[in-house]
Amino acid sequence: MAGAEGLRETNKRNTNGGKNMNLEMIFTDFPVLESEHLVLKKIEETHLQAVFSIYNNDKVFEYCGIIPKHHIKTIHKMINHF
């Protein structure tokens, strides 16, 4: 199986102590991980301009094989997908 459906099926089959793992129950709220110098959290629409400035920069993707995104609507769709 491919994509999200395949991941859901895999998670249904994986067990932890004989119980099925349910990721939806574990992550009802997206976790925020913080350290002294870094905060990792869910990307939301309030981050649109900052995320666009990264994806719109050709230098950022020069060596990684990802195509830059030069349309803010594309980034908006990506954020809604997260």
N, C-alpha and C. Protein backbone atom coordinates (compact mmCIF):
# COMPACT_ATOMS: atom_id res chain seq x y z
N MET A 1 0.83 -1.18 0.00
CA MET A 1 0.00 0.00 0.00
C MET A 1 0.87 1.24 0.00
N ALA A 2 0.39 2.28 -0.64
CA ALA A 2 1.19 3.49 -0.74
C ALA A 2 0.56 4.62 0.05
N GLY A 3 1.37 5.58 0.41
CA GLY A 3 0.89 6.82 1.01
C GLY A 3 0.33 6.66 2.40
N ALA A 4 -0.56 7.58 2.75
CA ALA A 4 -1.11 7.64 4.10
C ALA A 4 -1.92 6.39 4.44
N GLU A 5 -2.64 5.86 3.48
CA GLU A 5 -3.43 4.65 3.74
C GLU A 5 -2.52 3.48 4.12
N GLY A 6 -1.40 3.36 3.42
CA GLY A 6 -0.45 2.31 3.74
C GLY A 6 0.13 2.49 5.12
N LEU A 7 0.41 3.73 5.51
CA LEU A 7 0.93 4.01 6.84
C LEU A 7 -0.09 3.65 7.91
N ARG A 8 -1.36 3.98 7.67
CA ARG A 8 -2.41 3.62 8.62
C ARG A 8 -2.50 2.11 8.80
N GLU A 9 -2.43 1.39 7.69
CA GLU A 9 -2.50 -0.07 7.77
C GLU A 9 -1.29 -0.63 8.51
N THR A 10 -0.11 -0.07 8.25
CA THR A 10 1.09 -0.52 8.95
C THR A 10 0.95 -0.27 10.44
N ASN A 11 0.44 0.89 10.82
CA ASN A 11 0.27 1.21 12.23
C ASN A 11 -0.74 0.30 12.90
N LYS A 12 -1.75 -0.12 12.16
CA LYS A 12 -2.73 -1.06 12.72
C LYS A 12 -2.08 -2.41 13.02
N ARG A 13 -1.12 -2.81 12.17
CA ARG A 13 -0.48 -4.11 12.34
C ARG A 13 0.61 -4.08 13.41
N ASN A 14 1.28 -2.94 13.58
CA ASN A 14 2.35 -2.84 14.58
C ASN A 14 1.76 -2.98 15.97
N THR A 15 2.50 -3.63 16.83
CA THR A 15 2.00 -3.80 18.18
C THR A 15 3.01 -3.29 19.18
N ASN A 16 2.50 -2.93 20.33
CA ASN A 16 3.34 -2.49 21.43
C ASN A 16 2.78 -3.16 22.68
N GLY A 17 3.48 -4.15 23.17
CA GLY A 17 2.99 -4.87 24.33
C GLY A 17 1.70 -5.63 24.05
N GLY A 18 1.53 -6.05 22.81
CA GLY A 18 0.33 -6.80 22.46
C GLY A 18 -0.87 -5.93 22.10
N LYS A 19 -0.72 -4.60 22.17
CA LYS A 19 -1.82 -3.69 21.85
C LYS A 19 -1.52 -2.97 20.55
N ASN A 20 -2.54 -2.72 19.76
CA ASN A 20 -2.36 -1.98 18.51
C ASN A 20 -1.99 -0.54 18.80
N MET A 21 -1.09 0.02 17.99
CA MET A 21 -0.69 1.42 18.12
C MET A 21 -1.66 2.27 17.32
N ASN A 22 -2.21 3.29 17.93
CA ASN A 22 -3.15 4.19 17.27
C ASN A 22 -2.54 5.59 17.29
N LEU A 23 -1.95 5.99 16.18
CA LEU A 23 -1.27 7.28 16.13
C LEU A 23 -2.23 8.45 16.31
N GLU A 24 -3.47 8.31 15.85
CA GLU A 24 -4.43 9.39 16.02
C GLU A 24 -4.67 9.67 17.50
N MET A 25 -4.69 8.63 18.33
CA MET A 25 -4.89 8.82 19.76
C MET A 25 -3.64 9.42 20.42
N ILE A 26 -2.47 9.00 19.96
CA ILE A 26 -1.22 9.49 20.55
C ILE A 26 -1.03 10.97 20.25
N PHE A 27 -1.32 11.38 19.02
CA PHE A 27 -1.07 12.75 18.60
C PHE A 27 -2.36 13.50 18.31
N THR A 28 -3.28 13.54 19.29
CA THR A 28 -4.48 14.35 19.09
C THR A 28 -4.10 15.82 18.98
N ASP A 29 -3.11 16.25 19.75
CA ASP A 29 -2.54 17.59 19.63
C ASP A 29 -1.11 17.43 19.15
N PHE A 30 -0.73 18.23 18.17
CA PHE A 30 0.62 18.14 17.63
C PHE A 30 1.61 18.51 18.73
N PRO A 31 2.64 17.71 18.96
CA PRO A 31 3.58 18.01 20.04
C PRO A 31 4.45 19.23 19.73
N VAL A 32 4.84 19.93 20.77
CA VAL A 32 5.80 21.03 20.67
C VAL A 32 7.03 20.59 21.45
N LEU A 33 8.16 20.58 20.77
CA LEU A 33 9.42 20.19 21.39
C LEU A 33 10.29 21.43 21.53
N GLU A 34 10.74 21.70 22.74
CA GLU A 34 11.52 22.91 22.99
C GLU A 34 12.84 22.58 23.66
N SER A 35 13.85 23.33 23.26
CA SER A 35 15.13 23.31 23.96
C SER A 35 15.51 24.76 24.20
N GLU A 36 16.70 24.96 24.71
CA GLU A 36 17.15 26.32 25.00
C GLU A 36 17.22 27.18 23.73
N HIS A 37 17.56 26.56 22.59
CA HIS A 37 17.79 27.33 21.37
C HIS A 37 16.84 27.00 20.22
N LEU A 38 15.92 26.08 20.44
CA LEU A 38 15.11 25.61 19.32
C LEU A 38 13.71 25.25 19.77
N VAL A 39 12.71 25.58 18.94
CA VAL A 39 11.33 25.15 19.17
C VAL A 39 10.85 24.47 17.89
N LEU A 40 10.43 23.22 18.02
CA LEU A 40 9.84 22.48 16.90
C LEU A 40 8.35 22.38 17.15
N LYS A 41 7.57 22.88 16.21
CA LYS A 41 6.12 22.82 16.37
C LYS A 41 5.47 22.72 15.00
N LYS A 42 4.19 22.50 14.99
CA LYS A 42 3.43 22.36 13.75
C LYS A 42 3.49 23.65 12.94
N ILE A 43 3.67 23.50 11.64
CA ILE A 43 3.65 24.66 10.75
C ILE A 43 2.19 25.01 10.49
N GLU A 44 1.86 26.28 10.71
CA GLU A 44 0.48 26.76 10.56
C GLU A 44 0.45 27.94 9.60
N GLU A 45 -0.77 28.39 9.27
CA GLU A 45 -0.93 29.49 8.31
C GLU A 45 -0.25 30.77 8.77
N THR A 46 -0.09 30.97 10.06
CA THR A 46 0.59 32.17 10.55
C THR A 46 2.06 32.18 10.14
N HIS A 47 2.58 31.03 9.73
CA HIS A 47 3.97 30.91 9.30
C HIS A 47 4.13 31.04 7.79
N LEU A 48 3.05 31.33 7.08
CA LEU A 48 3.05 31.32 5.62
C LEU A 48 4.18 32.16 5.02
N GLN A 49 4.32 33.39 5.42
CA GLN A 49 5.33 34.26 4.81
C GLN A 49 6.74 33.75 5.10
N ALA A 50 6.99 33.27 6.30
CA ALA A 50 8.32 32.76 6.66
C ALA A 50 8.65 31.50 5.87
N VAL A 51 7.69 30.59 5.74
CA VAL A 51 7.92 29.35 4.99
C VAL A 51 8.11 29.67 3.51
N PHE A 52 7.30 30.61 2.99
CA PHE A 52 7.45 31.01 1.59
C PHE A 52 8.83 31.59 1.33
N SER A 53 9.35 32.38 2.26
CA SER A 53 10.67 32.99 2.03
C SER A 53 11.76 31.92 1.94
N ILE A 54 11.56 30.80 2.60
CA ILE A 54 12.52 29.69 2.50
C ILE A 54 12.36 28.97 1.16
N TYR A 55 11.13 28.57 0.84
CA TYR A 55 10.89 27.79 -0.39
C TYR A 55 11.08 28.62 -1.66
N ASN A 56 11.01 29.93 -1.56
CA ASN A 56 11.17 30.81 -2.71
C ASN A 56 12.64 31.13 -2.99
N ASN A 57 13.54 30.70 -2.12
CA ASN A 57 14.96 31.02 -2.24
C ASN A 57 15.68 29.89 -2.98
N ASP A 58 16.12 30.17 -4.20
CA ASP A 58 16.80 29.16 -5.03
C ASP A 58 18.07 28.62 -4.36
N LYS A 59 18.76 29.45 -3.61
CA LYS A 59 20.01 29.03 -2.95
C LYS A 59 19.75 27.95 -1.91
N VAL A 60 18.60 27.99 -1.24
CA VAL A 60 18.29 27.00 -0.21
C VAL A 60 18.26 25.60 -0.80
N PHE A 61 17.77 25.46 -2.01
CA PHE A 61 17.56 24.15 -2.62
C PHE A 61 18.60 23.82 -3.69
N GLU A 62 19.65 24.59 -3.77
CA GLU A 62 20.66 24.43 -4.81
C GLU A 62 21.26 23.02 -4.85
N TYR A 63 21.48 22.40 -3.71
CA TYR A 63 22.18 21.11 -3.67
C TYR A 63 21.33 19.95 -3.17
N CYS A 64 20.06 20.17 -2.85
CA CYS A 64 19.29 19.08 -2.23
C CYS A 64 18.34 18.37 -3.18
N GLY A 65 18.16 18.86 -4.40
CA GLY A 65 17.32 18.16 -5.36
C GLY A 65 15.84 18.47 -5.25
N ILE A 66 15.47 19.40 -4.38
CA ILE A 66 14.07 19.82 -4.27
C ILE A 66 13.89 21.08 -5.10
N ILE A 67 12.79 21.16 -5.80
CA ILE A 67 12.51 22.32 -6.65
C ILE A 67 11.94 23.44 -5.79
N PRO A 68 12.51 24.65 -5.86
CA PRO A 68 11.96 25.78 -5.11
C PRO A 68 10.52 26.06 -5.54
N LYS A 69 9.77 26.64 -4.65
CA LYS A 69 8.36 26.99 -4.93
C LYS A 69 8.27 28.50 -4.98
N HIS A 70 7.87 29.05 -6.14
CA HIS A 70 7.86 30.49 -6.32
C HIS A 70 6.46 31.08 -6.28
N HIS A 71 5.47 30.31 -5.86
CA HIS A 71 4.10 30.81 -5.76
C HIS A 71 3.60 30.61 -4.34
N ILE A 72 3.17 31.67 -3.70
CA ILE A 72 2.74 31.60 -2.31
C ILE A 72 1.52 30.69 -2.15
N LYS A 73 0.69 30.57 -3.19
CA LYS A 73 -0.47 29.67 -3.12
C LYS A 73 -0.03 28.22 -2.96
N THR A 74 1.08 27.86 -3.60
CA THR A 74 1.62 26.50 -3.48
C THR A 74 2.03 26.24 -2.04
N ILE A 75 2.69 27.20 -1.41
CA ILE A 75 3.11 27.06 -0.02
C ILE A 75 1.90 26.99 0.90
N HIS A 76 0.89 27.77 0.60
CA HIS A 76 -0.34 27.74 1.40
C HIS A 76 -0.97 26.34 1.37
N LYS A 77 -1.00 25.73 0.20
CA LYS A 77 -1.53 24.37 0.08
C LYS A 77 -0.67 23.39 0.87
N MET A 78 0.65 23.56 0.81
CA MET A 78 1.55 22.68 1.55
C MET A 78 1.29 22.78 3.05
N ILE A 79 1.14 24.00 3.56
CA ILE A 79 0.89 24.20 4.98
C ILE A 79 -0.42 23.55 5.39
N ASN A 80 -1.44 23.69 4.59
CA ASN A 80 -2.72 23.05 4.90
C ASN A 80 -2.62 21.54 4.89
N HIS A 81 -1.66 21.01 4.13
CA HIS A 81 -1.44 19.57 4.09
C HIS A 81 -0.76 19.08 5.37
N PHE A 82 0.10 19.92 5.98
CA PHE A 82 0.79 19.55 7.22
C PHE A 82 -0.26 19.36 8.28
